[in-house]
Amino acid sequence: MRLFMNSLSFASRCARSRAALLRATIVLSFSVLAPVSLLSAQDPAAQRANTALPAGAFPIDRIAAVVGSTAILMSDIEAAIAAQQIPVPPDSAAREKLQRDVLEQLIDMEVVVQRAQLDTSIVVNEAEISAMADEQIKQIRGNFQTDQAYRDALVEAGFGTPDEYRSRQLEDLRRRQLQESYMASLRRSGKLVTVNVSEREVTEELAAYEGKLPERPATVGFQQIVIPTTAGEESRTRARELIDSLFFALKDNPNGFEDAAREFSQDGSAQNGGDLGWNRRGVMVPEFDRVMFMINPGIVSPPVESRFGWHLIRVDRVQPAEVKARHILIRAAIDSADEQRAQLRADSVRALWEQGVSFDSLRARYHDERGGEDAIIPEVRTTDLPEAYGTAIGTSTKDQIVGPFPIPDPSAGANKWVVLKLSRVTPAGPMSMDEARRDMRARMQQAYSLRRMLDIMRKETYVSIRM
């Protein structure tokens, strides 16, 4: 997501050349919009005075916009302005423009979250976000000498009790992970279409540096083999037996689908009776998508296997190019023995690679092609690497093999194992003009592509601005 943020920080200054980019900075909020910044100082009252809008500037709890079935309040706008530590203009016209710009951010964020929630391939790692929330809260708590001072700061900043604050942090992190995962899936599937950027636009953007070329960031490139942890045969058999029994119980009683989903389904849709909302073609994984658009409303499908497990699907309604469906997901349980087998397999991959077995052969035999991780990463900034990758790569040099090291696999509730070989290692340093132009063009293209996709999503989502 930092890659998106970097691209859009450049693109936001290009709005003068493309009107559609007036809202290009929206995705900045994907990375920075979190309430923890309100508590980053020892004196929260002073911090709040510097960031909060003047009293009486607008009604706090008036509805500013509705996205789908979700309302965005004026208080949400105020919280976002404070969280991003944006200086509040003194005059009313500039203040209203700031509020409208931040509202556009929040609308785009909500649109992405709602799309991600309907995509069964997007799974939130609850253990990961819980650990992240605890780490953030630990850092914030360290700014205060006593628990009482910390509690007073929370109340002063409008967050209530420590438990209420933690719940809010969890929700923010959950939404952020949904956004990041969904946008990454769009990029992998090629749905972020490349947009042309003219030489004039690149030249204008570079001119903003007034002769000072940007620093070239440290980058690496690598080939990787990602080895998934898969359930053992006994566990897979139990999952298949359960999904079969549910199918035979529901095929003649489709009205019992919702209750069965609440009781048995093993994903977030269970609490809503398996409801996945309205979906267009290509949103779900291919196996699921094909069956969902093939069956008639009211019919329970036979078991469908995807990389997430076994599904039963019931279509509720159909309209042109869309269906409204429910599902029941049953996963084969993974235990520590399964993870150990995956790690041993990863050790074998490293040994074979070191012995000279070709990358293409290892990729064909071992790489998790359905898992979402690209096998070849030509170049990526070291600051954009996930923490596990950055720690494992460290100061490794070109042609060095790294790993195996674990990364989370939310769809399986376990770890995957990564073995990679560095194909390039480029340290940070001053850019040449040619490098600066290439870097600027790539970042602007990414920003324009992202903006175009967000505009398409907004056209397909009910959005009512009432501010």
Protein backbone atom coordinates (compact mmCIF):
# COMPACT_ATOMS: atom_id res chain seq x y z
CA MET A 1 0.00 0.00 0.00
CA ARG A 2 2.91 2.33 0.50
CA LEU A 3 3.53 1.89 -3.22
CA PHE A 4 0.04 3.25 -3.91
CA MET A 5 0.63 6.06 -1.44
CA ASN A 6 3.91 7.11 -3.06
CA SER A 7 2.36 7.12 -6.52
CA LEU A 8 -0.61 9.19 -5.47
CA SER A 9 1.43 11.73 -3.56
CA PHE A 10 2.98 12.56 -6.94
CA ALA A 11 -0.29 12.34 -8.86
CA SER A 12 -2.12 14.65 -6.50
CA ARG A 13 0.14 17.47 -7.65
CA CYS A 14 -0.69 16.69 -11.29
CA ALA A 15 -4.37 17.54 -10.89
CA ARG A 16 -3.81 20.72 -12.82
CA SER A 17 -3.20 18.59 -15.94
CA ARG A 18 -6.04 16.09 -15.41
CA ALA A 19 -9.23 17.18 -13.71
CA ALA A 20 -10.02 13.58 -12.81
CA LEU A 21 -7.13 13.63 -10.37
CA LEU A 22 -8.62 16.30 -8.14
CA ARG A 23 -9.36 13.45 -5.76
CA ALA A 24 -6.18 11.49 -6.46
CA THR A 25 -4.89 11.80 -2.92
CA ILE A 26 -7.68 9.61 -1.59
CA VAL A 27 -5.56 6.51 -1.28
CA LEU A 28 -3.10 8.35 0.95
CA SER A 29 -5.66 7.73 3.64
CA PHE A 30 -5.40 3.96 3.11
CA SER A 31 -2.02 4.07 4.86
CA VAL A 32 -2.11 7.07 7.13
CA LEU A 33 -5.70 7.42 8.23
CA ALA A 34 -5.64 6.00 11.74
CA PRO A 35 -6.60 7.68 15.01
CA VAL A 36 -3.35 6.84 16.79
CA SER A 37 -1.77 10.12 15.69
CA LEU A 38 -4.06 12.00 18.05
CA LEU A 39 -2.23 10.39 20.96
CA SER A 40 1.32 10.69 19.68
CA ALA A 41 2.17 13.63 21.95
CA GLN A 42 2.41 13.87 25.72
CA ASP A 43 -0.14 16.68 25.74
CA PRO A 44 -3.20 15.38 23.90
CA ALA A 45 -5.23 18.49 24.65
CA ALA A 46 -2.67 20.69 22.93
CA GLN A 47 -2.45 18.28 19.99
CA ARG A 48 -6.21 18.29 19.65
CA ALA A 49 -6.30 22.07 19.70
CA ASN A 50 -3.88 22.13 16.77
CA THR A 51 -5.85 19.68 14.62
CA ALA A 52 -9.54 19.76 15.52
CA LEU A 53 -11.94 22.03 13.68
CA PRO A 54 -13.18 25.14 15.51
CA ALA A 55 -16.19 24.66 17.74
CA GLY A 56 -19.40 25.19 15.86
CA ALA A 57 -17.75 24.84 12.45
CA PHE A 58 -20.31 22.21 11.44
CA PRO A 59 -22.81 19.87 13.08
CA ILE A 60 -20.81 16.89 14.32
CA ASP A 61 -23.25 14.10 13.63
CA ARG A 62 -24.99 15.19 10.45
CA ILE A 63 -24.90 12.66 7.59
CA ALA A 64 -22.37 13.81 4.98
CA ALA A 65 -22.80 10.96 2.51
CA VAL A 66 -24.30 7.51 2.09
CA VAL A 67 -22.30 4.75 0.38
CA GLY A 68 -24.33 1.62 -0.25
CA SER A 69 -26.10 1.19 3.06
CA THR A 70 -23.37 2.90 5.12
CA ALA A 71 -23.60 6.50 6.32
CA ILE A 72 -20.52 8.74 6.58
CA LEU A 73 -21.00 11.34 9.31
CA MET A 74 -19.55 14.80 9.66
CA SER A 75 -17.84 13.51 12.80
CA ASP A 76 -16.08 10.93 10.60
CA ILE A 77 -14.70 13.77 8.50
CA GLU A 78 -13.48 15.60 11.60
CA ALA A 79 -11.81 12.44 12.90
CA ALA A 80 -10.09 11.88 9.54
CA ILE A 81 -8.77 15.45 9.44
CA ALA A 82 -7.43 15.10 12.96
CA ALA A 83 -5.95 11.65 12.29
CA GLN A 84 -4.03 12.91 9.24
CA GLN A 85 -2.94 16.00 11.20
CA ILE A 86 -4.05 18.28 8.38
CA PRO A 87 -3.76 21.99 9.29
CA VAL A 88 -7.26 23.46 9.39
CA PRO A 89 -7.64 26.67 7.34
CA PRO A 90 -8.97 29.68 9.28
CA ASP A 91 -11.47 30.86 6.64
CA SER A 92 -14.76 29.07 6.11
CA ALA A 93 -14.44 28.57 2.34
CA ALA A 94 -11.07 26.82 2.58
CA ARG A 95 -12.32 24.81 5.57
CA GLU A 96 -15.35 23.62 3.61
CA LYS A 97 -13.11 22.61 0.68
CA LEU A 98 -10.94 20.59 3.07
CA GLN A 99 -14.02 18.86 4.46
CA ARG A 100 -15.23 17.99 0.95
CA ASP A 101 -11.80 16.67 -0.09
CA VAL A 102 -11.62 14.44 2.98
CA LEU A 103 -15.20 13.27 2.37
CA GLU A 104 -14.13 12.14 -1.10
CA GLN A 105 -11.35 10.13 0.56
CA LEU A 106 -13.78 8.47 2.93
CA ILE A 107 -16.24 7.65 0.13
CA ASP A 108 -13.53 5.98 -1.94
CA MET A 109 -12.32 4.02 1.07
CA GLU A 110 -15.84 2.81 1.85
CA VAL A 111 -16.45 1.79 -1.77
CA VAL A 112 -13.29 -0.35 -1.74
CA VAL A 113 -14.15 -1.90 1.64
CA GLN A 114 -17.62 -2.87 0.46
CA ARG A 115 -16.24 -4.44 -2.73
CA ALA A 116 -13.62 -6.33 -0.72
CA GLN A 117 -16.24 -7.65 1.71
CA LEU A 118 -18.10 -9.24 -1.21
CA ASP A 119 -14.99 -10.95 -2.56
CA THR A 120 -14.60 -14.41 -1.02
CA SER A 121 -10.93 -14.43 -2.01
CA ILE A 122 -10.22 -11.55 0.39
CA VAL A 123 -9.73 -12.88 3.91
CA VAL A 124 -8.77 -10.73 6.89
CA ASN A 125 -6.09 -12.20 9.13
CA GLU A 126 -7.63 -11.49 12.53
CA ALA A 127 -4.56 -12.70 14.44
CA GLU A 128 -2.33 -10.34 12.46
CA ILE A 129 -4.49 -7.26 12.93
CA SER A 130 -4.88 -8.04 16.63
CA ALA A 131 -1.10 -8.16 17.02
CA MET A 132 -0.73 -4.92 15.06
CA ALA A 133 -3.33 -3.18 17.21
CA ASP A 134 -1.65 -4.34 20.41
CA GLU A 135 1.73 -3.09 19.15
CA GLN A 136 0.30 0.32 18.23
CA ILE A 137 -1.45 0.66 21.57
CA LYS A 138 1.73 -0.37 23.39
CA GLN A 139 3.67 2.39 21.64
CA ILE A 140 1.00 4.97 22.43
CA ARG A 141 0.69 3.88 26.05
CA GLY A 142 4.46 4.41 26.39
CA ASN A 143 3.93 8.15 25.95
CA PHE A 144 2.17 8.37 29.32
CA GLN A 145 3.59 7.86 32.77
CA THR A 146 0.45 6.33 34.31
CA ASP A 147 -2.60 4.37 33.23
CA GLN A 148 -4.79 7.22 34.43
CA ALA A 149 -2.97 9.73 32.23
CA TYR A 150 -3.46 7.39 29.26
CA ARG A 151 -7.17 6.98 30.04
CA ASP A 152 -7.60 10.75 30.41
CA ALA A 153 -5.91 11.27 27.04
CA LEU A 154 -8.28 8.79 25.39
CA VAL A 155 -11.31 10.58 26.82
CA GLU A 156 -9.89 13.97 25.82
CA ALA A 157 -9.37 12.76 22.26
CA GLY A 158 -12.91 11.34 22.13
CA PHE A 159 -12.02 7.62 22.11
CA GLY A 160 -13.68 6.55 25.37
CA THR A 161 -12.21 3.66 27.36
CA PRO A 162 -9.06 1.67 26.42
CA ASP A 163 -11.30 -1.23 25.33
CA GLU A 164 -13.34 1.07 23.09
CA TYR A 165 -10.15 2.50 21.64
CA ARG A 166 -8.76 -0.97 20.92
CA SER A 167 -12.00 -1.95 19.20
CA ARG A 168 -11.74 1.11 17.00
CA GLN A 169 -8.12 0.32 16.19
CA LEU A 170 -9.06 -3.23 15.23
CA GLU A 171 -11.81 -1.99 12.92
CA ASP A 172 -9.48 0.55 11.28
CA LEU A 173 -6.82 -2.11 10.71
CA ARG A 174 -9.40 -4.59 9.45
CA ARG A 175 -10.68 -2.08 6.90
CA ARG A 176 -7.15 -1.18 5.86
CA GLN A 177 -6.25 -4.84 5.30
CA LEU A 178 -9.41 -5.30 3.22
CA GLN A 179 -8.48 -2.27 1.10
CA GLU A 180 -4.89 -3.33 0.58
CA SER A 181 -5.73 -6.94 -0.22
CA TYR A 182 -8.48 -6.02 -2.66
CA MET A 183 -6.40 -3.44 -4.55
CA ALA A 184 -3.51 -5.92 -4.71
CA SER A 185 -5.85 -8.55 -6.16
CA LEU A 186 -7.01 -6.10 -8.84
CA ARG A 187 -3.41 -5.38 -9.75
CA ARG A 188 -2.51 -9.08 -9.97
CA SER A 189 -5.55 -9.84 -12.13
CA GLY A 190 -4.67 -7.06 -14.57
CA LYS A 191 -7.78 -4.99 -13.83
CA LEU A 192 -5.72 -1.87 -13.12
CA VAL A 193 -5.34 -0.85 -16.76
CA THR A 194 -2.19 1.12 -17.58
CA VAL A 195 -2.96 4.75 -18.44
CA ASN A 196 -0.68 6.69 -20.76
CA VAL A 197 1.21 9.66 -19.32
CA SER A 198 2.49 12.32 -21.72
CA GLU A 199 6.03 13.67 -21.79
CA ARG A 200 4.63 17.09 -20.93
CA GLU A 201 3.01 15.80 -17.75
CA VAL A 202 6.21 14.08 -16.65
CA THR A 203 8.21 17.23 -17.40
CA GLU A 204 5.79 19.41 -15.44
CA GLU A 205 5.96 17.10 -12.45
CA LEU A 206 9.76 16.98 -12.50
CA ALA A 207 9.80 20.77 -12.65
CA ALA A 208 8.30 20.81 -9.16
CA TYR A 209 11.69 19.69 -7.87
CA GLU A 210 13.27 22.93 -9.14
CA GLY A 211 16.35 21.25 -10.51
CA LYS A 212 16.82 18.84 -7.60
CA LEU A 213 16.27 15.29 -8.77
CA PRO A 214 14.66 12.92 -6.30
CA GLU A 215 16.76 10.33 -4.52
CA ARG A 216 16.70 6.86 -6.03
CA PRO A 217 15.22 4.52 -3.42
CA ALA A 218 16.91 1.25 -2.53
CA THR A 219 15.32 -1.53 -4.55
CA VAL A 220 15.56 -5.29 -4.97
CA GLY A 221 14.30 -7.76 -7.53
CA PHE A 222 13.88 -11.48 -7.03
CA GLN A 223 12.39 -14.78 -8.12
CA GLN A 224 10.45 -16.66 -5.48
CA ILE A 225 8.86 -20.00 -4.78
CA VAL A 226 5.96 -19.82 -2.33
CA ILE A 227 5.10 -23.16 -0.76
CA PRO A 228 1.59 -23.39 0.73
CA THR A 229 0.63 -25.33 3.82
CA THR A 230 -2.04 -27.83 2.83
CA ALA A 231 -4.27 -29.98 5.00
CA GLY A 232 -3.55 -33.67 5.42
CA GLU A 233 -5.65 -36.31 3.69
CA GLU A 234 -7.62 -37.18 6.82
CA SER A 235 -8.62 -33.56 7.40
CA ARG A 236 -9.58 -33.12 3.74
CA THR A 237 -11.74 -36.22 3.94
CA ARG A 238 -13.58 -34.86 7.00
CA ALA A 239 -14.22 -31.53 5.25
CA ARG A 240 -15.54 -33.28 2.15
CA GLU A 241 -17.80 -35.51 4.21
CA LEU A 242 -19.24 -32.49 6.02
CA ILE A 243 -19.90 -30.50 2.83
CA ASP A 244 -21.50 -33.59 1.24
CA SER A 245 -23.79 -34.10 4.23
CA LEU A 246 -24.83 -30.43 4.12
CA PHE A 247 -25.54 -30.70 0.40
CA PHE A 248 -27.79 -33.74 0.82
CA ALA A 249 -29.61 -32.02 3.71
CA LEU A 250 -30.14 -28.76 1.78
CA LYS A 251 -30.68 -29.78 -1.85
CA ASP A 252 -34.34 -30.56 -1.13
CA ASN A 253 -34.62 -27.90 1.57
CA PRO A 254 -32.92 -24.76 0.15
CA ASN A 255 -34.84 -22.56 2.60
CA GLY A 256 -32.64 -23.95 5.38
CA PHE A 257 -29.50 -22.58 3.70
CA GLU A 258 -29.22 -19.42 5.81
CA ASP A 259 -29.48 -21.25 9.13
CA ALA A 260 -26.95 -23.85 7.98
CA ALA A 261 -24.56 -21.09 6.88
CA ARG A 262 -24.78 -19.42 10.29
CA GLU A 263 -24.01 -22.71 12.01
CA PHE A 264 -21.39 -24.25 9.76
CA SER A 265 -19.81 -21.73 7.36
CA GLN A 266 -16.21 -20.88 8.18
CA ASP A 267 -15.88 -17.33 6.91
CA GLY A 268 -17.11 -13.85 7.75
CA SER A 269 -20.35 -14.20 5.78
CA ALA A 270 -21.63 -16.82 8.24
CA GLN A 271 -23.18 -14.24 10.57
CA ASN A 272 -25.26 -12.97 7.63
CA GLY A 273 -26.46 -16.41 6.61
CA GLY A 274 -23.72 -16.71 3.98
CA ASP A 275 -24.86 -13.56 2.15
CA LEU A 276 -22.32 -12.39 -0.46
CA GLY A 277 -24.42 -9.57 -1.90
CA TRP A 278 -24.52 -8.72 -5.61
CA ASN A 279 -21.57 -9.83 -7.73
CA ARG A 280 -20.49 -9.38 -11.33
CA ARG A 281 -18.50 -11.92 -13.32
CA GLY A 282 -14.83 -12.12 -12.47
CA VAL A 283 -15.10 -10.93 -8.86
CA MET A 284 -14.93 -14.37 -7.25
CA VAL A 285 -12.32 -17.08 -7.81
CA PRO A 286 -12.94 -18.84 -11.17
CA GLU A 287 -14.33 -22.13 -9.80
CA PHE A 288 -16.84 -20.29 -7.62
CA ASP A 289 -17.67 -17.69 -10.28
CA ARG A 290 -18.47 -20.30 -12.92
CA VAL A 291 -20.99 -22.18 -10.77
CA MET A 292 -22.54 -19.03 -9.31
CA PHE A 293 -23.51 -17.82 -12.79
CA MET A 294 -24.60 -21.27 -13.97
CA ILE A 295 -27.23 -22.31 -11.38
CA ASN A 296 -30.80 -21.06 -11.21
CA PRO A 297 -32.15 -19.05 -8.26
CA GLY A 298 -33.21 -21.14 -5.29
CA ILE A 299 -31.07 -24.14 -6.22
CA VAL A 300 -28.29 -25.37 -3.94
CA SER A 301 -25.19 -26.22 -5.96
CA PRO A 302 -23.20 -29.43 -5.53
CA PRO A 303 -19.95 -28.96 -3.57
CA VAL A 304 -17.48 -26.65 -5.32
CA GLU A 305 -13.79 -26.75 -4.40
CA SER A 306 -11.58 -23.64 -4.50
CA ARG A 307 -8.29 -22.79 -2.84
CA PHE A 308 -10.31 -21.62 0.15
CA GLY A 309 -12.05 -24.95 0.73
CA TRP A 310 -15.41 -26.50 -0.20
CA HIS A 311 -18.43 -24.31 -1.02
CA LEU A 312 -22.16 -24.75 -1.37
CA ILE A 313 -23.77 -21.90 -3.33
CA ARG A 314 -27.35 -20.70 -3.53
CA VAL A 315 -28.33 -17.89 -5.88
CA ASP A 316 -31.12 -15.72 -4.47
CA ARG A 317 -31.73 -13.24 -7.28
CA VAL A 318 -30.54 -12.52 -10.81
CA GLN A 319 -30.38 -9.31 -12.80
CA PRO A 320 -28.46 -8.40 -15.98
CA ALA A 321 -24.74 -9.15 -15.48
CA GLU A 322 -25.16 -9.69 -11.71
CA VAL A 323 -26.31 -12.32 -9.26
CA LYS A 324 -27.06 -12.13 -5.55
CA ALA A 325 -25.77 -15.27 -3.86
CA ARG A 326 -25.03 -17.00 -0.56
CA HIS A 327 -22.50 -19.67 0.24
CA ILE A 328 -21.34 -22.09 2.92
CA LEU A 329 -17.58 -22.55 3.22
CA ILE A 330 -16.01 -25.61 4.84
CA ARG A 331 -12.22 -25.66 5.19
CA ALA A 332 -10.03 -28.66 5.86
CA ALA A 333 -8.38 -28.05 9.23
CA ILE A 334 -4.61 -27.48 9.19
CA ASP A 335 -2.49 -28.54 12.16
CA SER A 336 1.13 -28.12 13.22
CA ALA A 337 2.16 -31.32 11.44
CA ASP A 338 0.89 -29.87 8.15
CA GLU A 339 2.94 -26.68 8.68
CA GLN A 340 6.01 -28.74 9.51
CA ARG A 341 5.62 -30.70 6.27
CA ALA A 342 5.37 -27.44 4.31
CA GLN A 343 8.54 -26.12 5.95
CA LEU A 344 10.43 -29.32 5.12
CA ARG A 345 9.23 -29.01 1.53
CA ALA A 346 10.56 -25.44 1.47
CA ASP A 347 13.92 -26.66 2.82
CA SER A 348 14.03 -29.13 -0.07
CA VAL A 349 13.27 -26.36 -2.59
CA ARG A 350 16.22 -24.33 -1.30
CA ALA A 351 18.53 -27.34 -1.46
CA LEU A 352 17.47 -28.13 -5.04
CA TRP A 353 17.92 -24.49 -6.08
CA GLU A 354 21.42 -24.42 -4.59
CA GLN A 355 22.23 -27.62 -6.49
CA GLY A 356 21.42 -25.89 -9.78
CA VAL A 357 17.85 -26.98 -10.50
CA SER A 358 16.26 -24.31 -12.69
CA PHE A 359 13.80 -21.79 -11.32
CA ASP A 360 11.24 -22.70 -13.99
CA SER A 361 11.29 -26.36 -12.90
CA LEU A 362 10.93 -25.47 -9.23
CA ARG A 363 8.15 -23.02 -10.00
CA ALA A 364 6.19 -25.58 -12.02
CA ARG A 365 6.45 -28.17 -9.27
CA TYR A 366 6.19 -26.20 -6.03
CA HIS A 367 4.98 -22.58 -6.44
CA ASP A 368 1.48 -21.72 -5.19
CA GLU A 369 0.20 -20.17 -8.43
CA ARG A 370 -3.30 -19.70 -7.01
CA GLY A 371 -2.15 -17.98 -3.85
CA GLY A 372 -1.70 -14.47 -5.25
CA GLU A 373 2.08 -14.06 -4.89
CA ASP A 374 3.89 -13.37 -8.15
CA ALA A 375 6.79 -15.74 -8.84
CA ILE A 376 8.90 -12.99 -10.44
CA ILE A 377 9.28 -9.54 -8.86
CA PRO A 378 11.40 -7.46 -11.29
CA GLU A 379 11.89 -4.54 -8.91
CA VAL A 380 10.38 -3.27 -5.68
CA ARG A 381 11.46 -0.62 -3.21
CA THR A 382 12.81 -2.07 -0.03
CA THR A 383 10.50 0.25 1.92
CA ASP A 384 7.53 -1.37 0.17
CA LEU A 385 8.51 -4.92 1.09
CA PRO A 386 6.29 -6.68 3.62
CA GLU A 387 8.01 -6.89 6.97
CA ALA A 388 8.71 -10.62 6.67
CA TYR A 389 10.47 -10.09 3.33
CA GLY A 390 12.46 -7.09 4.52
CA THR A 391 13.68 -8.93 7.61
CA ALA A 392 14.61 -12.07 5.68
CA ILE A 393 16.41 -10.24 2.85
CA GLY A 394 18.26 -7.86 5.16
CA THR A 395 21.69 -7.13 3.65
CA SER A 396 21.69 -10.07 1.24
CA THR A 397 23.43 -9.56 -2.09
CA LYS A 398 22.58 -10.30 -5.72
CA ASP A 399 22.24 -14.01 -6.63
CA GLN A 400 21.94 -14.98 -2.96
CA ILE A 401 19.19 -17.45 -2.00
CA VAL A 402 17.09 -16.37 1.00
CA GLY A 403 14.78 -18.46 3.15
CA PRO A 404 12.71 -20.36 3.74
CA PHE A 405 10.80 -17.84 5.85
CA PRO A 406 7.08 -17.81 6.78
CA ILE A 407 4.37 -15.43 5.57
CA PRO A 408 0.72 -15.58 6.66
CA ASP A 409 -1.86 -17.31 4.50
CA PRO A 410 -5.23 -15.95 5.72
CA SER A 411 -7.23 -18.19 3.38
CA ALA A 412 -5.78 -21.28 5.08
CA GLY A 413 -5.32 -19.88 8.58
CA ALA A 414 -1.69 -20.99 8.50
CA ASN A 415 1.72 -19.93 7.16
CA LYS A 416 3.20 -20.26 3.71
CA TRP A 417 6.94 -20.64 3.23
CA VAL A 418 9.01 -18.50 0.86
CA VAL A 419 12.34 -19.26 -0.79
CA LEU A 420 13.70 -16.52 -3.06
CA LYS A 421 16.76 -15.64 -5.10
CA LEU A 422 17.80 -12.02 -5.51
CA SER A 423 18.16 -10.96 -9.15
CA ARG A 424 19.07 -7.35 -8.42
CA VAL A 425 20.06 -5.21 -5.44
CA THR A 426 20.25 -1.46 -6.05
CA PRO A 427 21.27 0.87 -3.20
CA ALA A 428 19.72 4.29 -2.66
CA GLY A 429 21.40 7.27 -4.30
CA PRO A 430 20.93 10.27 -6.60
CA MET A 431 18.89 9.57 -9.72
CA SER A 432 20.00 10.39 -13.23
CA MET A 433 17.55 12.37 -15.34
CA ASP A 434 16.59 9.23 -17.29
CA GLU A 435 15.98 7.31 -14.05
CA ALA A 436 13.92 10.19 -12.67
CA ARG A 437 11.73 10.31 -15.77
CA ARG A 438 11.16 6.53 -15.73
CA ASP A 439 10.34 6.55 -12.02
CA MET A 440 8.02 9.54 -12.34
CA ARG A 441 6.19 8.03 -15.30
CA ALA A 442 5.66 4.69 -13.53
CA ARG A 443 4.31 6.33 -10.40
CA MET A 444 1.99 8.65 -12.31
CA GLN A 445 0.69 5.75 -14.41
CA GLN A 446 -0.09 3.80 -11.27
CA ALA A 447 -1.89 6.78 -9.76
CA TYR A 448 -3.98 7.39 -12.88
CA SER A 449 -4.84 3.69 -13.18
CA LEU A 450 -5.91 3.52 -9.56
CA ARG A 451 -8.03 6.65 -9.91
CA ARG A 452 -9.74 5.23 -13.01
CA MET A 453 -10.59 1.97 -11.21
CA LEU A 454 -11.96 3.86 -8.20
CA ASP A 455 -14.15 5.98 -10.47
CA ILE A 456 -15.55 2.81 -12.07
CA MET A 457 -16.29 1.33 -8.64
CA ARG A 458 -18.11 4.50 -7.60
CA LYS A 459 -20.31 4.37 -10.70
CA GLU A 460 -21.32 0.82 -9.75
CA THR A 461 -22.05 1.72 -6.12
CA TYR A 462 -24.89 3.82 -4.68
CA VAL A 463 -23.28 7.07 -3.50
CA SER A 464 -25.32 10.02 -2.24
CA ILE A 465 -23.40 13.12 -1.09
CA ARG A 466 -25.50 15.16 1.33
CA MET A 467 -22.95 17.55 2.74
